Amino acid sequence: MDEGEQKRRMDPGELQTIREALGLTGDHLAAMLSVNPRTLRAWEAGREPIPRRVGGEVEVIEEYTRGAVEEVVAALQDASDVAVLVYRTDEEMHAARPDMSHLPARWWRHVVYRAAERVPGVEIVSAASDA
């Protein structure tokens, strides 16, 4: 039995809950998992079994997100100005942050929110109002 076969299948509610907690739409997570959005909807609705590999792939996304939150927290704790920039659209974020072009702006806003909960006095500022 290989490692993928040893993992339990994710429950549909678990997948949906984690996706929402990550700030991802179904379309965004489907793209990250390289599946059709209809497939993800079928998994979340319990119409199709979730492949065992998906749990590991979702864990990678969760770890990446936790790491991003930690980086923002560290940057805010070290900064004299505790403002953090968010983007209203994917296009706006991808233009300003090409390193995050594989992620939606919605995900970044969730990262910022989670970091702001941990650092008192953080000001969240939209890129459009930064001018």
C-alpha atoms as a PDB file:
ATOM      1  CA  MET A   1       0.000   0.000   0.000  1.00  0.00           C
ATOM      2  CA  ASP A   2       1.519   3.367  -0.966  1.00  0.00           C
ATOM      3  CA  GLU A   3       1.312   6.543   1.103  1.00  0.00           C
ATOM      4  CA  GLY A   4      -1.707   7.884  -0.818  1.00  0.00           C
ATOM      5  CA  GLU A   5      -3.677   4.705  -0.127  1.00  0.00           C
ATOM      6  CA  GLN A   6      -2.968   4.922   3.593  1.00  0.00           C
ATOM      7  CA  LYS A   7      -4.631   8.320   3.957  1.00  0.00           C
ATOM      8  CA  ARG A   8      -8.310   8.411   4.743  1.00  0.00           C
ATOM      9  CA  ARG A   9     -10.650  10.127   2.356  1.00  0.00           C
ATOM     10  CA  MET A  10     -11.668  13.652   3.251  1.00  0.00           C
ATOM     11  CA  ASP A  11     -15.293  14.113   4.202  1.00  0.00           C
ATOM     12  CA  PRO A  12     -17.232  16.457   1.871  1.00  0.00           C
ATOM     13  CA  GLY A  13     -18.018  18.819   4.754  1.00  0.00           C
ATOM     14  CA  GLU A  14     -14.373  18.845   5.802  1.00  0.00           C
ATOM     15  CA  LEU A  15     -13.250  19.804   2.299  1.00  0.00           C
ATOM     16  CA  GLN A  16     -15.813  22.602   2.064  1.00  0.00           C
ATOM     17  CA  THR A  17     -14.987  23.907   5.544  1.00  0.00           C
ATOM     18  CA  ILE A  18     -11.254  24.009   4.859  1.00  0.00           C
ATOM     19  CA  ARG A  19     -11.773  25.615   1.442  1.00  0.00           C
ATOM     20  CA  GLU A  20     -13.911  28.355   2.984  1.00  0.00           C
ATOM     21  CA  ALA A  21     -11.457  28.881   5.868  1.00  0.00           C
ATOM     22  CA  LEU A  22      -8.683  29.338   3.304  1.00  0.00           C
ATOM     23  CA  GLY A  23     -10.698  32.056   1.586  1.00  0.00           C
ATOM     24  CA  LEU A  24     -10.908  30.121  -1.652  1.00  0.00           C
ATOM     25  CA  THR A  25     -13.861  29.803  -3.980  1.00  0.00           C
ATOM     26  CA  GLY A  26     -14.660  26.423  -5.438  1.00  0.00           C
ATOM     27  CA  ASP A  27     -13.245  27.551  -8.767  1.00  0.00           C
ATOM     28  CA  HIS A  28      -9.973  28.668  -7.160  1.00  0.00           C
ATOM     29  CA  LEU A  29      -9.476  25.439  -5.226  1.00  0.00           C
ATOM     30  CA  ALA A  30     -10.435  23.364  -8.263  1.00  0.00           C
ATOM     31  CA  ALA A  31      -7.741  25.143 -10.278  1.00  0.00           C
ATOM     32  CA  MET A  32      -5.172  24.574  -7.533  1.00  0.00           C
ATOM     33  CA  LEU A  33      -6.073  20.868  -7.473  1.00  0.00           C
ATOM     34  CA  SER A  34      -6.079  20.699 -11.289  1.00  0.00           C
ATOM     35  CA  VAL A  35      -9.676  19.496 -11.479  1.00  0.00           C
ATOM     36  CA  ASN A  36     -12.826  20.791 -13.120  1.00  0.00           C
ATOM     37  CA  PRO A  37     -14.908  23.029 -10.808  1.00  0.00           C
ATOM     38  CA  ARG A  38     -17.856  20.648 -11.351  1.00  0.00           C
ATOM     39  CA  THR A  39     -15.735  17.856  -9.917  1.00  0.00           C
ATOM     40  CA  LEU A  40     -15.009  19.861  -6.776  1.00  0.00           C
ATOM     41  CA  ARG A  41     -18.712  20.684  -6.409  1.00  0.00           C
ATOM     42  CA  ALA A  42     -19.539  16.969  -6.734  1.00  0.00           C
ATOM     43  CA  TRP A  43     -16.989  16.131  -4.028  1.00  0.00           C
ATOM     44  CA  GLU A  44     -18.323  18.792  -1.658  1.00  0.00           C
ATOM     45  CA  ALA A  45     -21.921  17.681  -2.289  1.00  0.00           C
ATOM     46  CA  GLY A  46     -20.985  14.072  -1.576  1.00  0.00           C
ATOM     47  CA  ARG A  47     -22.002  12.921  -5.054  1.00  0.00           C
ATOM     48  CA  GLU A  48     -18.506  11.648  -5.869  1.00  0.00           C
ATOM     49  CA  PRO A  49     -15.848  10.215  -3.534  1.00  0.00           C
ATOM     50  CA  ILE A  50     -12.957  12.549  -2.858  1.00  0.00           C
ATOM     51  CA  PRO A  51      -9.695  10.968  -4.068  1.00  0.00           C
ATOM     52  CA  ARG A  52      -7.291  10.220  -1.245  1.00  0.00           C
ATOM     53  CA  ARG A  53      -4.596  12.405  -2.833  1.00  0.00           C
ATOM     54  CA  VAL A  54      -6.758  15.495  -2.301  1.00  0.00           C
ATOM     55  CA  GLY A  55      -6.255  15.458   1.473  1.00  0.00           C
ATOM     56  CA  GLY A  56      -2.492  15.746   1.051  1.00  0.00           C
ATOM     57  CA  GLU A  57      -2.798  18.444  -1.586  1.00  0.00           C
ATOM     58  CA  VAL A  58      -5.153  20.451   0.620  1.00  0.00           C
ATOM     59  CA  GLU A  59      -2.713  20.057   3.534  1.00  0.00           C
ATOM     60  CA  VAL A  60       0.014  21.615   1.379  1.00  0.00           C
ATOM     61  CA  ILE A  61      -2.250  24.601   0.659  1.00  0.00           C
ATOM     62  CA  GLU A  62      -3.082  24.890   4.377  1.00  0.00           C
ATOM     63  CA  GLU A  63       0.623  24.839   5.299  1.00  0.00           C
ATOM     64  CA  TYR A  64       1.431  27.450   2.665  1.00  0.00           C
ATOM     65  CA  THR A  65      -1.367  29.637   4.023  1.00  0.00           C
ATOM     66  CA  ARG A  66      -0.189  29.230   7.629  1.00  0.00           C
ATOM     67  CA  GLY A  67       3.306  30.186   6.502  1.00  0.00           C
ATOM     68  CA  ALA A  68       1.983  33.286   4.761  1.00  0.00           C
ATOM     69  CA  VAL A  69       0.100  34.299   7.916  1.00  0.00           C
ATOM     70  CA  GLU A  70       3.264  33.842   9.993  1.00  0.00           C
ATOM     71  CA  GLU A  71       5.278  35.958   7.534  1.00  0.00           C
ATOM     72  CA  VAL A  72       2.732  38.784   7.694  1.00  0.00           C
ATOM     73  CA  VAL A  73       2.611  38.606  11.503  1.00  0.00           C
ATOM     74  CA  ALA A  74       6.422  38.763  11.713  1.00  0.00           C
ATOM     75  CA  ALA A  75       6.585  41.677   9.270  1.00  0.00           C
ATOM     76  CA  LEU A  76       3.921  43.591  11.191  1.00  0.00           C
ATOM     77  CA  GLN A  77       5.578  42.963  14.549  1.00  0.00           C
ATOM     78  CA  ASP A  78       8.884  44.287  13.189  1.00  0.00           C
ATOM     79  CA  ALA A  79       7.352  47.309  11.423  1.00  0.00           C
ATOM     80  CA  SER A  80       6.995  50.809  12.791  1.00  0.00           C
ATOM     81  CA  ASP A  81       3.921  51.314  10.580  1.00  0.00           C
ATOM     82  CA  VAL A  82       1.465  48.502  11.198  1.00  0.00           C
ATOM     83  CA  ALA A  83      -0.523  48.853   8.002  1.00  0.00           C
ATOM     84  CA  VAL A  84      -0.970  46.008   5.587  1.00  0.00           C
ATOM     85  CA  LEU A  85      -2.113  46.255   2.009  1.00  0.00           C
ATOM     86  CA  VAL A  86      -4.958  44.206   0.548  1.00  0.00           C
ATOM     87  CA  TYR A  87      -6.143  44.000  -3.020  1.00  0.00           C
ATOM     88  CA  ARG A  88      -9.754  44.117  -4.150  1.00  0.00           C
ATOM     89  CA  THR A  89      -9.263  42.197  -7.378  1.00  0.00           C
ATOM     90  CA  ASP A  90      -7.054  39.380  -8.572  1.00  0.00           C
ATOM     91  CA  GLU A  91      -5.753  41.570 -11.387  1.00  0.00           C
ATOM     92  CA  GLU A  92      -4.722  44.308  -8.949  1.00  0.00           C
ATOM     93  CA  MET A  93      -2.866  41.840  -6.725  1.00  0.00           C
ATOM     94  CA  HIS A  94      -1.191  39.990  -9.579  1.00  0.00           C
ATOM     95  CA  ALA A  95       0.075  43.271 -11.045  1.00  0.00           C
ATOM     96  CA  ALA A  96       1.518  44.362  -7.698  1.00  0.00           C
ATOM     97  CA  ARG A  97       2.640  40.919  -6.537  1.00  0.00           C
ATOM     98  CA  PRO A  98       3.615  38.671  -9.470  1.00  0.00           C
ATOM     99  CA  ASP A  99       4.927  36.156  -6.920  1.00  0.00           C
ATOM    100  CA  MET A 100       1.303  35.530  -5.927  1.00  0.00           C
ATOM    101  CA  SER A 101      -0.131  35.280  -9.432  1.00  0.00           C
ATOM    102  CA  HIS A 102      -1.243  31.695  -8.758  1.00  0.00           C
ATOM    103  CA  LEU A 103      -3.458  32.826  -5.864  1.00  0.00           C
ATOM    104  CA  PRO A 104      -6.646  34.882  -5.677  1.00  0.00           C
ATOM    105  CA  ALA A 105      -6.846  38.243  -3.902  1.00  0.00           C
ATOM    106  CA  ARG A 106      -9.579  36.748  -1.716  1.00  0.00           C
ATOM    107  CA  TRP A 107      -7.013  34.299  -0.286  1.00  0.00           C
ATOM    108  CA  TRP A 108      -4.639  37.183   0.517  1.00  0.00           C
ATOM    109  CA  ARG A 109      -7.422  39.074   2.332  1.00  0.00           C
ATOM    110  CA  HIS A 110      -8.003  36.002   4.519  1.00  0.00           C
ATOM    111  CA  VAL A 111      -4.272  35.778   5.251  1.00  0.00           C
ATOM    112  CA  VAL A 112      -4.199  39.459   6.221  1.00  0.00           C
ATOM    113  CA  TYR A 113      -7.274  39.097   8.423  1.00  0.00           C
ATOM    114  CA  ARG A 114      -5.788  36.124  10.258  1.00  0.00           C
ATOM    115  CA  ALA A 115      -2.515  38.006  10.784  1.00  0.00           C
ATOM    116  CA  ALA A 116      -4.308  41.179  11.907  1.00  0.00           C
ATOM    117  CA  GLU A 117      -6.124  39.194  14.597  1.00  0.00           C
ATOM    118  CA  ARG A 118      -2.741  38.470  16.163  1.00  0.00           C
ATOM    119  CA  VAL A 119      -1.138  41.920  15.960  1.00  0.00           C
ATOM    120  CA  PRO A 120      -2.879  44.728  17.880  1.00  0.00           C
ATOM    121  CA  GLY A 121      -3.480  47.998  16.065  1.00  0.00           C
ATOM    122  CA  VAL A 122      -3.058  46.733  12.518  1.00  0.00           C
ATOM    123  CA  GLU A 123      -4.598  48.910   9.844  1.00  0.00           C
ATOM    124  CA  ILE A 124      -5.840  47.096   6.753  1.00  0.00           C
ATOM    125  CA  VAL A 125      -5.625  49.343   3.700  1.00  0.00           C
ATOM    126  CA  SER A 126      -6.814  48.635   0.181  1.00  0.00           C
ATOM    127  CA  ALA A 127      -4.357  49.178  -2.631  1.00  0.00           C
ATOM    128  CA  ALA A 128      -6.723  51.602  -4.365  1.00  0.00           C
ATOM    129  CA  SER A 129      -6.854  53.876  -1.302  1.00  0.00           C
ATOM    130  CA  ASP A 130      -3.084  53.723  -0.832  1.00  0.00           C
ATOM    131  CA  ALA A 131      -2.479  56.526  -3.339  1.00  0.00           C
END
